[in-house]
Amino acid sequence: MIEEKIPKENLSKYFDHLIDKTYKILPLKEEGAETLTSYLESFLCELLGNKGLNICLCDDPKYITVINTIQYLITENYSIATCKKEVFKCIHILEDKKVKHFKAGDLHG
């Protein structure tokens, strides 16, 4: 299994990377960046691929919430305030997943 070959410390650092990528959505929205949609689409691909890599995320409803939220940010019109609320919701979920699955050493949820 792939995740058994990846040290939990590396997966923990990877979740930091996901959190940083989630936070990056805010300035892109605030600046009205033309690249926001393509950034979100690429990020969504990564999140979906991550579900296959990490067993502990496969059926996790909160992780699926992050995926659904990013999909919403791709397809809908929304204010900066809504973007901020949704981004911080996703960050909170990812931080919780990191602590639960990788810092505690429980790679299988």
C-alpha atoms as a PDB file:
ATOM      1  CA  MET A   1       0.000   0.000   0.000  1.00  0.00           C
ATOM      2  CA  ILE A   2       1.345   3.423  -0.984  1.00  0.00           C
ATOM      3  CA  GLU A   3       0.660   5.244   2.284  1.00  0.00           C
ATOM      4  CA  GLU A   4       2.547   2.591   4.237  1.00  0.00           C
ATOM      5  CA  LYS A   5       5.642   3.565   2.233  1.00  0.00           C
ATOM      6  CA  ILE A   6       5.234   7.274   3.008  1.00  0.00           C
ATOM      7  CA  PRO A   7       6.345   8.219   6.521  1.00  0.00           C
ATOM      8  CA  LYS A   8       3.601   9.837   8.575  1.00  0.00           C
ATOM      9  CA  GLU A   9       5.823  12.894   9.088  1.00  0.00           C
ATOM     10  CA  ASN A  10       5.859  13.431   5.319  1.00  0.00           C
ATOM     11  CA  LEU A  11       2.085  13.102   5.153  1.00  0.00           C
ATOM     12  CA  SER A  12       1.791  15.599   8.000  1.00  0.00           C
ATOM     13  CA  LYS A  13       3.983  18.062   6.052  1.00  0.00           C
ATOM     14  CA  TYR A  14       1.899  17.398   2.965  1.00  0.00           C
ATOM     15  CA  PHE A  15      -1.229  18.406   4.866  1.00  0.00           C
ATOM     16  CA  ASP A  16       0.546  21.668   5.765  1.00  0.00           C
ATOM     17  CA  HIS A  17       1.051  22.116   2.022  1.00  0.00           C
ATOM     18  CA  LEU A  18      -2.665  21.485   1.375  1.00  0.00           C
ATOM     19  CA  ILE A  19      -3.561  24.034   4.040  1.00  0.00           C
ATOM     20  CA  ASP A  20      -1.250  26.600   2.411  1.00  0.00           C
ATOM     21  CA  LYS A  21      -2.793  25.900  -0.991  1.00  0.00           C
ATOM     22  CA  THR A  22      -6.256  26.360   0.481  1.00  0.00           C
ATOM     23  CA  TYR A  23      -5.279  29.673   2.054  1.00  0.00           C
ATOM     24  CA  LYS A  24      -3.891  30.888  -1.298  1.00  0.00           C
ATOM     25  CA  ILE A  25      -7.449  30.944  -2.659  1.00  0.00           C
ATOM     26  CA  LEU A  26      -8.218  34.096  -0.633  1.00  0.00           C
ATOM     27  CA  PRO A  27      -5.731  36.498  -2.211  1.00  0.00           C
ATOM     28  CA  LEU A  28      -6.570  35.143  -5.658  1.00  0.00           C
ATOM     29  CA  LYS A  29     -10.254  35.965  -5.057  1.00  0.00           C
ATOM     30  CA  GLU A  30      -9.507  39.323  -3.433  1.00  0.00           C
ATOM     31  CA  GLU A  31      -7.287  40.366  -6.352  1.00  0.00           C
ATOM     32  CA  GLY A  32      -9.808  39.140  -8.914  1.00  0.00           C
ATOM     33  CA  ALA A  33      -7.113  36.934 -10.440  1.00  0.00           C
ATOM     34  CA  GLU A  34      -8.015  35.465 -13.815  1.00  0.00           C
ATOM     35  CA  THR A  35      -6.202  32.287 -12.773  1.00  0.00           C
ATOM     36  CA  LEU A  36      -8.506  31.558  -9.806  1.00  0.00           C
ATOM     37  CA  THR A  37     -10.686  29.036 -11.634  1.00  0.00           C
ATOM     38  CA  SER A  38      -7.748  27.128 -13.112  1.00  0.00           C
ATOM     39  CA  TYR A  39      -6.022  27.138  -9.695  1.00  0.00           C
ATOM     40  CA  LEU A  40      -9.171  25.727  -8.063  1.00  0.00           C
ATOM     41  CA  GLU A  41      -9.585  23.087 -10.776  1.00  0.00           C
ATOM     42  CA  SER A  42      -5.998  21.930 -10.327  1.00  0.00           C
ATOM     43  CA  PHE A  43      -6.396  21.900  -6.547  1.00  0.00           C
ATOM     44  CA  LEU A  44      -9.593  19.865  -6.857  1.00  0.00           C
ATOM     45  CA  CYS A  45      -7.749  17.281  -8.965  1.00  0.00           C
ATOM     46  CA  GLU A  46      -5.119  17.008  -6.244  1.00  0.00           C
ATOM     47  CA  LEU A  47      -7.724  16.608  -3.497  1.00  0.00           C
ATOM     48  CA  LEU A  48      -9.521  13.897  -5.456  1.00  0.00           C
ATOM     49  CA  GLY A  49      -6.263  12.072  -6.122  1.00  0.00           C
ATOM     50  CA  ASN A  50      -5.400  12.325  -2.457  1.00  0.00           C
ATOM     51  CA  LYS A  51      -8.536  10.353  -1.563  1.00  0.00           C
ATOM     52  CA  GLY A  52      -7.116   7.417  -3.495  1.00  0.00           C
ATOM     53  CA  LEU A  53      -3.691   7.708  -1.912  1.00  0.00           C
ATOM     54  CA  ASN A  54      -4.732   7.982   1.711  1.00  0.00           C
ATOM     55  CA  ILE A  55      -7.122   5.303   2.905  1.00  0.00           C
ATOM     56  CA  CYS A  56      -8.064   7.356   5.944  1.00  0.00           C
ATOM     57  CA  LEU A  57      -9.656   9.950   3.636  1.00  0.00           C
ATOM     58  CA  CYS A  58     -11.618   7.627   1.356  1.00  0.00           C
ATOM     59  CA  ASP A  59     -14.886   7.704   3.258  1.00  0.00           C
ATOM     60  CA  ASP A  60     -14.280  10.722   5.466  1.00  0.00           C
ATOM     61  CA  PRO A  61     -17.355  12.994   5.223  1.00  0.00           C
ATOM     62  CA  LYS A  62     -15.401  16.060   6.326  1.00  0.00           C
ATOM     63  CA  TYR A  63     -12.759  15.553   3.632  1.00  0.00           C
ATOM     64  CA  ILE A  64     -15.568  15.167   1.101  1.00  0.00           C
ATOM     65  CA  THR A  65     -16.893  18.513   2.412  1.00  0.00           C
ATOM     66  CA  VAL A  66     -13.577  20.109   1.410  1.00  0.00           C
ATOM     67  CA  ILE A  67     -13.872  18.617  -2.082  1.00  0.00           C
ATOM     68  CA  ASN A  68     -17.474  19.798  -2.410  1.00  0.00           C
ATOM     69  CA  THR A  69     -16.570  23.279  -1.195  1.00  0.00           C
ATOM     70  CA  ILE A  70     -13.771  23.627  -3.734  1.00  0.00           C
ATOM     71  CA  GLN A  71     -16.198  22.467  -6.441  1.00  0.00           C
ATOM     72  CA  TYR A  72     -18.629  25.175  -5.289  1.00  0.00           C
ATOM     73  CA  LEU A  73     -15.862  27.793  -5.532  1.00  0.00           C
ATOM     74  CA  ILE A  74     -15.224  26.667  -9.118  1.00  0.00           C
ATOM     75  CA  THR A  75     -18.809  26.715 -10.351  1.00  0.00           C
ATOM     76  CA  GLU A  76     -20.659  29.432  -8.430  1.00  0.00           C
ATOM     77  CA  ASN A  77     -20.517  33.205  -8.071  1.00  0.00           C
ATOM     78  CA  TYR A  78     -19.779  34.299  -4.510  1.00  0.00           C
ATOM     79  CA  SER A  79     -18.553  37.258  -2.509  1.00  0.00           C
ATOM     80  CA  ILE A  80     -15.144  37.683  -0.927  1.00  0.00           C
ATOM     81  CA  ALA A  81     -16.826  37.256   2.480  1.00  0.00           C
ATOM     82  CA  THR A  82     -18.290  33.895   1.417  1.00  0.00           C
ATOM     83  CA  CYS A  83     -14.936  32.872  -0.007  1.00  0.00           C
ATOM     84  CA  LYS A  84     -13.214  33.727   3.269  1.00  0.00           C
ATOM     85  CA  LYS A  85     -15.777  31.768   5.304  1.00  0.00           C
ATOM     86  CA  GLU A  86     -15.528  28.696   3.067  1.00  0.00           C
ATOM     87  CA  VAL A  87     -11.723  28.778   2.842  1.00  0.00           C
ATOM     88  CA  PHE A  88     -11.350  28.935   6.612  1.00  0.00           C
ATOM     89  CA  LYS A  89     -13.884  26.126   7.010  1.00  0.00           C
ATOM     90  CA  CYS A  90     -11.747  23.976   4.683  1.00  0.00           C
ATOM     91  CA  ILE A  91      -8.549  24.926   6.504  1.00  0.00           C
ATOM     92  CA  HIS A  92     -10.096  23.939   9.827  1.00  0.00           C
ATOM     93  CA  ILE A  93     -11.154  20.558   8.408  1.00  0.00           C
ATOM     94  CA  LEU A  94      -7.688  19.905   6.935  1.00  0.00           C
ATOM     95  CA  GLU A  95      -6.011  20.851  10.220  1.00  0.00           C
ATOM     96  CA  ASP A  96      -8.304  18.447  12.079  1.00  0.00           C
ATOM     97  CA  LYS A  97      -7.560  15.647   9.592  1.00  0.00           C
ATOM     98  CA  LYS A  98      -3.826  16.261   9.927  1.00  0.00           C
ATOM     99  CA  VAL A  99      -3.915  16.048  13.716  1.00  0.00           C
ATOM    100  CA  LYS A 100      -6.238  13.050  13.779  1.00  0.00           C
ATOM    101  CA  HIS A 101      -4.555  10.933  11.142  1.00  0.00           C
ATOM    102  CA  PHE A 102      -0.926  11.946  10.921  1.00  0.00           C
ATOM    103  CA  LYS A 103       0.270  13.586  14.104  1.00  0.00           C
ATOM    104  CA  ALA A 104      -1.341  10.901  16.228  1.00  0.00           C
ATOM    105  CA  GLY A 105       0.168   8.237  13.991  1.00  0.00           C
ATOM    106  CA  ASP A 106      -3.176   6.727  13.030  1.00  0.00           C
ATOM    107  CA  LEU A 107      -2.850   6.436   9.262  1.00  0.00           C
ATOM    108  CA  HIS A 108      -6.013   4.419   8.861  1.00  0.00           C
ATOM    109  CA  GLY A 109      -8.448   6.801  10.531  1.00  0.00           C
END
